[in-house]
Structures are given as structure tokens and as C-alpha cells.
Amino acid sequence: MYASYWHQVALLESAPPRSLSTTLLITPNFGLSNAEAFMAFSDTLTNPLESLQLEATIQLVFFHPQWTFRDGASRVGGDTAGNFARRSPFPMINILRTPQVQLRLVFY
């Protein structure tokens, strides 16, 4: 998984922004049955981006079939509508170019 992930990060970093904005790494055979383990794995991907100073250019969004907000299941229940925002059929990692997804507010 690490090799596939870093390959996708390198691909996104090396491609011209107009030719590649995002990549989706779908992992049907990795972390499917354990959302907590998949989220712990996600931390091991996010932390190196900071030390490599890539967090300003690369953003990660994680999806999982059992995903809930960290306090969502205990606070409001696991099947509330908000918890479905990052649910997917398989565990996935969306690797995005941060400048292309940042919200820009313009006031006139």
C-alpha cells in the first residue's frame, strides 16, 4: 500500500497541474473490514506530508464503508446522514492538489 500511495503522490507532484488534478487510490483488499485500522493507516500517510513540506500542495481525503466522524458514532449514532459524507463501497484515498481545491472567497 505504501508503494502504491507514494507512486500516486509522485505522479501527481510531477504532472502538470492542468493535466492531472487528483488521483483516487481504491484499496478493496486493504482495510475493508476495519475502519479504525484504516484510519490509523491514514495517519501514517498524512504525517510524512508535513515533514516533507508537501501539505501545502497535496491534500488527502479518506473514504471507508464504515466511516464515521471520530466522535460521531458515540455522539449521534453511526448511521446519521453526516457520517455518510465519506463512506464508499471500498476504502479509498483521494489525493488532491491543495491549491486546486482551496476555497477562495472574493468580496466586492
N, C-alpha and C. Protein backbone atom coordinates (compact mmCIF):
# COMPACT_ATOMS: atom_id res chain seq x y z
N MET A 1 0.82 -1.20 0.00
CA MET A 1 0.00 0.00 0.00
C MET A 1 0.86 1.25 0.00
N TYR A 2 1.92 1.23 0.80
CA TYR A 2 2.78 2.43 0.84
C TYR A 2 3.40 2.71 -0.53
N ALA A 3 3.86 1.67 -1.20
CA ALA A 3 4.47 1.86 -2.52
C ALA A 3 3.45 2.43 -3.51
N SER A 4 2.24 1.90 -3.50
CA SER A 4 1.19 2.40 -4.40
C SER A 4 0.85 3.86 -4.08
N TYR A 5 0.74 4.14 -2.80
CA TYR A 5 0.42 5.51 -2.38
C TYR A 5 1.49 6.50 -2.81
N TRP A 6 2.76 6.20 -2.50
CA TRP A 6 3.83 7.13 -2.83
C TRP A 6 4.02 7.25 -4.33
N HIS A 7 3.73 6.19 -5.07
CA HIS A 7 3.76 6.28 -6.53
C HIS A 7 2.73 7.31 -7.02
N GLN A 8 1.54 7.28 -6.45
CA GLN A 8 0.49 8.23 -6.85
C GLN A 8 0.84 9.66 -6.43
N VAL A 9 1.43 9.84 -5.26
CA VAL A 9 1.86 11.17 -4.83
C VAL A 9 2.92 11.71 -5.79
N ALA A 10 3.90 10.87 -6.14
CA ALA A 10 4.96 11.31 -7.06
C ALA A 10 4.38 11.62 -8.44
N LEU A 11 3.43 10.83 -8.89
CA LEU A 11 2.78 11.08 -10.18
C LEU A 11 2.07 12.42 -10.16
N LEU A 12 1.33 12.70 -9.11
CA LEU A 12 0.61 13.97 -9.01
C LEU A 12 1.57 15.15 -8.91
N GLU A 13 2.64 14.99 -8.16
CA GLU A 13 3.61 16.06 -8.00
C GLU A 13 4.36 16.36 -9.30
N SER A 14 4.61 15.33 -10.11
CA SER A 14 5.41 15.53 -11.32
C SER A 14 4.59 15.93 -12.55
N ALA A 15 3.30 15.68 -12.52
CA ALA A 15 2.46 16.00 -13.68
C ALA A 15 2.10 17.48 -13.68
N PRO A 16 1.96 18.07 -14.86
CA PRO A 16 1.50 19.46 -14.92
C PRO A 16 0.10 19.59 -14.30
N PRO A 17 -0.16 20.64 -13.54
CA PRO A 17 -1.45 20.79 -12.86
C PRO A 17 -2.65 20.71 -13.81
N ARG A 18 -2.51 21.19 -15.02
CA ARG A 18 -3.65 21.15 -15.94
C ARG A 18 -3.92 19.76 -16.50
N SER A 19 -2.95 18.86 -16.39
CA SER A 19 -3.15 17.52 -16.92
C SER A 19 -3.61 16.51 -15.86
N LEU A 20 -3.31 16.79 -14.58
CA LEU A 20 -3.70 15.87 -13.51
C LEU A 20 -3.94 16.66 -12.23
N SER A 21 -5.17 16.63 -11.75
CA SER A 21 -5.54 17.38 -10.54
C SER A 21 -5.70 16.49 -9.33
N THR A 22 -6.08 15.26 -9.55
CA THR A 22 -6.37 14.36 -8.44
C THR A 22 -6.16 12.92 -8.88
N THR A 23 -5.93 12.07 -7.93
CA THR A 23 -5.86 10.64 -8.19
C THR A 23 -6.61 9.93 -7.06
N LEU A 24 -7.24 8.85 -7.40
CA LEU A 24 -8.04 8.10 -6.43
C LEU A 24 -7.45 6.71 -6.31
N LEU A 25 -6.95 6.40 -5.13
CA LEU A 25 -6.37 5.09 -4.85
C LEU A 25 -7.43 4.25 -4.14
N ILE A 26 -7.97 3.27 -4.84
CA ILE A 26 -9.02 2.40 -4.30
C ILE A 26 -8.36 1.13 -3.78
N THR A 27 -8.68 0.76 -2.55
CA THR A 27 -8.00 -0.35 -1.88
C THR A 27 -8.99 -1.43 -1.44
N PRO A 28 -9.60 -2.17 -2.37
CA PRO A 28 -10.63 -3.14 -1.97
C PRO A 28 -10.12 -4.28 -1.10
N ASN A 29 -8.83 -4.57 -1.14
CA ASN A 29 -8.28 -5.68 -0.36
C ASN A 29 -7.47 -5.21 0.84
N PHE A 30 -7.59 -3.93 1.18
CA PHE A 30 -6.80 -3.40 2.29
C PHE A 30 -7.70 -2.58 3.21
N GLY A 31 -7.86 -3.03 4.43
CA GLY A 31 -8.59 -2.28 5.44
C GLY A 31 -10.10 -2.30 5.30
N LEU A 32 -10.63 -3.20 4.51
CA LEU A 32 -12.07 -3.22 4.26
C LEU A 32 -12.88 -3.51 5.52
N SER A 33 -12.41 -4.42 6.35
CA SER A 33 -13.23 -4.84 7.49
C SER A 33 -12.97 -4.07 8.77
N ASN A 34 -12.00 -3.14 8.75
CA ASN A 34 -11.67 -2.45 9.99
C ASN A 34 -11.42 -0.96 9.71
N ALA A 35 -12.43 -0.16 9.93
CA ALA A 35 -12.33 1.28 9.67
C ALA A 35 -11.30 1.94 10.57
N GLU A 36 -11.22 1.52 11.82
CA GLU A 36 -10.26 2.14 12.75
C GLU A 36 -8.83 1.89 12.30
N ALA A 37 -8.54 0.68 11.85
CA ALA A 37 -7.20 0.36 11.37
C ALA A 37 -6.89 1.15 10.10
N PHE A 38 -7.87 1.31 9.23
CA PHE A 38 -7.65 2.09 8.01
C PHE A 38 -7.38 3.55 8.35
N MET A 39 -8.08 4.09 9.33
CA MET A 39 -7.85 5.48 9.72
C MET A 39 -6.49 5.64 10.42
N ALA A 40 -6.08 4.65 11.18
CA ALA A 40 -4.73 4.69 11.78
C ALA A 40 -3.68 4.66 10.67
N PHE A 41 -3.91 3.85 9.65
CA PHE A 41 -3.02 3.82 8.49
C PHE A 41 -3.00 5.18 7.81
N SER A 42 -4.14 5.84 7.73
CA SER A 42 -4.20 7.15 7.07
C SER A 42 -3.31 8.17 7.77
N ASP A 43 -3.21 8.07 9.09
CA ASP A 43 -2.32 8.98 9.82
C ASP A 43 -0.87 8.79 9.40
N THR A 44 -0.49 7.55 9.07
CA THR A 44 0.89 7.30 8.64
C THR A 44 1.16 7.87 7.26
N LEU A 45 0.12 8.21 6.53
CA LEU A 45 0.29 8.84 5.22
C LEU A 45 0.29 10.35 5.33
N THR A 46 -0.50 10.87 6.22
CA THR A 46 -0.63 12.32 6.39
C THR A 46 0.60 12.93 7.05
N ASN A 47 1.09 12.30 8.09
CA ASN A 47 2.21 12.86 8.85
C ASN A 47 3.47 13.11 8.01
N PRO A 48 3.89 12.19 7.13
CA PRO A 48 5.09 12.47 6.31
C PRO A 48 4.91 13.65 5.35
N LEU A 49 3.68 13.94 4.93
CA LEU A 49 3.47 15.09 4.05
C LEU A 49 3.91 16.38 4.74
N GLU A 50 3.67 16.46 6.03
CA GLU A 50 4.08 17.64 6.80
C GLU A 50 5.60 17.74 6.87
N SER A 51 6.26 16.64 7.20
CA SER A 51 7.72 16.69 7.33
C SER A 51 8.41 16.89 5.99
N LEU A 52 7.78 16.47 4.90
CA LEU A 52 8.33 16.70 3.56
C LEU A 52 7.90 18.05 2.99
N GLN A 53 7.15 18.81 3.77
CA GLN A 53 6.63 20.12 3.37
C GLN A 53 5.78 20.02 2.10
N LEU A 54 4.97 18.98 2.02
CA LEU A 54 4.06 18.79 0.89
C LEU A 54 2.62 19.10 1.24
N GLU A 55 2.34 19.40 2.52
CA GLU A 55 0.94 19.63 2.91
C GLU A 55 0.35 20.85 2.24
N ALA A 56 1.17 21.76 1.76
CA ALA A 56 0.65 22.93 1.05
C ALA A 56 0.27 22.60 -0.40
N THR A 57 0.77 21.48 -0.90
CA THR A 57 0.49 21.12 -2.29
C THR A 57 -0.36 19.86 -2.43
N ILE A 58 -0.32 18.98 -1.44
CA ILE A 58 -1.06 17.71 -1.50
C ILE A 58 -2.05 17.64 -0.34
N GLN A 59 -3.26 17.27 -0.66
CA GLN A 59 -4.29 17.09 0.36
C GLN A 59 -4.84 15.68 0.22
N LEU A 60 -5.11 15.03 1.34
CA LEU A 60 -5.65 13.67 1.34
C LEU A 60 -7.05 13.66 1.92
N VAL A 61 -7.92 12.90 1.30
CA VAL A 61 -9.27 12.69 1.82
C VAL A 61 -9.49 11.18 1.81
N PHE A 62 -9.89 10.64 2.96
CA PHE A 62 -10.05 9.21 3.11
C PHE A 62 -11.52 8.83 3.14
N PHE A 63 -11.84 7.70 2.53
CA PHE A 63 -13.20 7.18 2.48
C PHE A 63 -13.16 5.71 2.92
N HIS A 64 -14.24 5.28 3.57
CA HIS A 64 -14.31 3.89 4.04
C HIS A 64 -15.79 3.50 4.18
N PRO A 65 -16.12 2.23 3.93
CA PRO A 65 -17.52 1.79 4.04
C PRO A 65 -18.12 1.97 5.44
N GLN A 66 -17.30 1.94 6.47
CA GLN A 66 -17.79 2.06 7.85
C GLN A 66 -17.44 3.41 8.47
N TRP A 67 -17.09 4.38 7.67
CA TRP A 67 -16.58 5.64 8.19
C TRP A 67 -17.62 6.38 9.02
N THR A 68 -17.17 6.93 10.14
CA THR A 68 -17.96 7.87 10.94
C THR A 68 -17.00 8.95 11.44
N PHE A 69 -17.55 10.10 11.77
CA PHE A 69 -16.72 11.11 12.41
C PHE A 69 -16.14 10.49 13.67
N ARG A 70 -14.97 10.94 14.06
CA ARG A 70 -14.29 10.31 15.20
C ARG A 70 -15.18 10.24 16.44
N ASP A 71 -16.01 11.25 16.66
CA ASP A 71 -16.92 11.20 17.80
C ASP A 71 -18.37 11.01 17.35
N GLY A 72 -18.58 10.80 16.08
CA GLY A 72 -19.93 10.73 15.53
C GLY A 72 -20.76 9.56 16.00
N ALA A 73 -20.16 8.39 16.06
CA ALA A 73 -20.93 7.21 16.46
C ALA A 73 -21.39 7.32 17.90
N SER A 74 -20.53 7.81 18.77
CA SER A 74 -20.91 7.89 20.19
C SER A 74 -21.82 9.08 20.46
N ARG A 75 -21.66 10.14 19.67
CA ARG A 75 -22.43 11.37 19.93
C ARG A 75 -23.84 11.29 19.34
N VAL A 76 -23.93 10.91 18.08
CA VAL A 76 -25.25 10.94 17.42
C VAL A 76 -25.62 9.62 16.75
N GLY A 77 -24.77 8.61 16.82
CA GLY A 77 -25.05 7.33 16.19
C GLY A 77 -24.33 7.22 14.85
N GLY A 78 -23.93 6.01 14.51
CA GLY A 78 -23.14 5.78 13.31
C GLY A 78 -23.87 5.92 12.00
N ASP A 79 -25.20 5.88 12.02
CA ASP A 79 -25.94 5.91 10.77
C ASP A 79 -26.63 7.24 10.49
N THR A 80 -26.18 8.31 11.12
CA THR A 80 -26.76 9.62 10.82
C THR A 80 -26.22 10.10 9.47
N ALA A 81 -26.95 10.99 8.84
CA ALA A 81 -26.64 11.44 7.48
C ALA A 81 -25.23 11.99 7.34
N GLY A 82 -24.75 12.74 8.29
CA GLY A 82 -23.42 13.34 8.20
C GLY A 82 -22.31 12.33 8.07
N ASN A 83 -22.49 11.16 8.67
CA ASN A 83 -21.46 10.13 8.61
C ASN A 83 -21.35 9.48 7.23
N PHE A 84 -22.31 9.69 6.35
CA PHE A 84 -22.25 9.09 5.02
C PHE A 84 -21.44 9.93 4.04
N ALA A 85 -21.02 11.11 4.45
CA ALA A 85 -20.27 12.00 3.55
C ALA A 85 -18.98 11.37 3.06
N ARG A 86 -18.36 10.53 3.86
CA ARG A 86 -17.10 9.92 3.45
C ARG A 86 -17.16 8.40 3.46
N ARG A 87 -18.34 7.89 3.22
CA ARG A 87 -18.48 6.45 3.07
C ARG A 87 -18.40 6.10 1.59
N SER A 88 -17.88 4.92 1.33
CA SER A 88 -17.70 4.45 -0.05
C SER A 88 -17.79 2.93 -0.05
N PRO A 89 -17.96 2.33 -1.22
CA PRO A 89 -18.03 0.87 -1.27
C PRO A 89 -16.74 0.18 -0.81
N PHE A 90 -15.61 0.82 -1.05
CA PHE A 90 -14.30 0.29 -0.67
C PHE A 90 -13.49 1.39 0.00
N PRO A 91 -12.49 1.01 0.79
CA PRO A 91 -11.58 2.03 1.31
C PRO A 91 -10.89 2.75 0.15
N MET A 92 -10.79 4.06 0.23
CA MET A 92 -10.20 4.86 -0.84
C MET A 92 -9.42 6.02 -0.25
N ILE A 93 -8.41 6.45 -1.03
CA ILE A 93 -7.65 7.63 -0.67
C ILE A 93 -7.69 8.57 -1.87
N ASN A 94 -8.27 9.73 -1.68
CA ASN A 94 -8.30 10.74 -2.74
C ASN A 94 -7.12 11.66 -2.50
N ILE A 95 -6.20 11.70 -3.46
CA ILE A 95 -5.00 12.53 -3.36
C ILE A 95 -5.22 13.72 -4.29
N LEU A 96 -5.27 14.91 -3.71
CA LEU A 96 -5.63 16.12 -4.45
C LEU A 96 -4.53 17.15 -4.41
N ARG A 97 -4.54 18.03 -5.38
CA ARG A 97 -3.66 19.20 -5.35
C ARG A 97 -4.36 20.26 -4.49
N THR A 98 -3.77 20.61 -3.39
CA THR A 98 -4.37 21.56 -2.46
C THR A 98 -4.75 22.89 -3.10
N PRO A 99 -3.87 23.51 -3.91
CA PRO A 99 -4.25 24.81 -4.49
C PRO A 99 -5.49 24.74 -5.38
N GLN A 100 -5.78 23.57 -5.95
CA GLN A 100 -6.93 23.46 -6.83
C GLN A 100 -8.23 23.20 -6.09
N VAL A 101 -8.16 22.88 -4.80
CA VAL A 101 -9.39 22.61 -4.06
C VAL A 101 -9.64 23.61 -2.94
N GLN A 102 -8.73 24.53 -2.74
CA GLN A 102 -8.93 25.53 -1.70
C GLN A 102 -10.07 26.46 -2.07
N LEU A 103 -10.85 26.75 -1.08
CA LEU A 103 -11.95 27.70 -1.26
C LEU A 103 -11.38 29.11 -1.30
N ARG A 104 -11.75 29.83 -2.30
CA ARG A 104 -11.30 31.22 -2.41
C ARG A 104 -12.51 32.14 -2.32
N LEU A 105 -12.48 32.98 -1.33
CA LEU A 105 -13.58 33.92 -1.14
C LEU A 105 -13.17 35.27 -1.74
N VAL A 106 -14.07 35.82 -2.50
CA VAL A 106 -13.83 37.12 -3.09
C VAL A 106 -14.96 38.03 -2.66
N PHE A 107 -14.62 39.15 -2.06
CA PHE A 107 -15.62 40.12 -1.63
C PHE A 107 -15.52 41.35 -2.51
N TYR A 108 -16.62 41.85 -2.94
CA TYR A 108 -16.66 43.06 -3.77
C TYR A 108 -17.24 44.21 -3.00
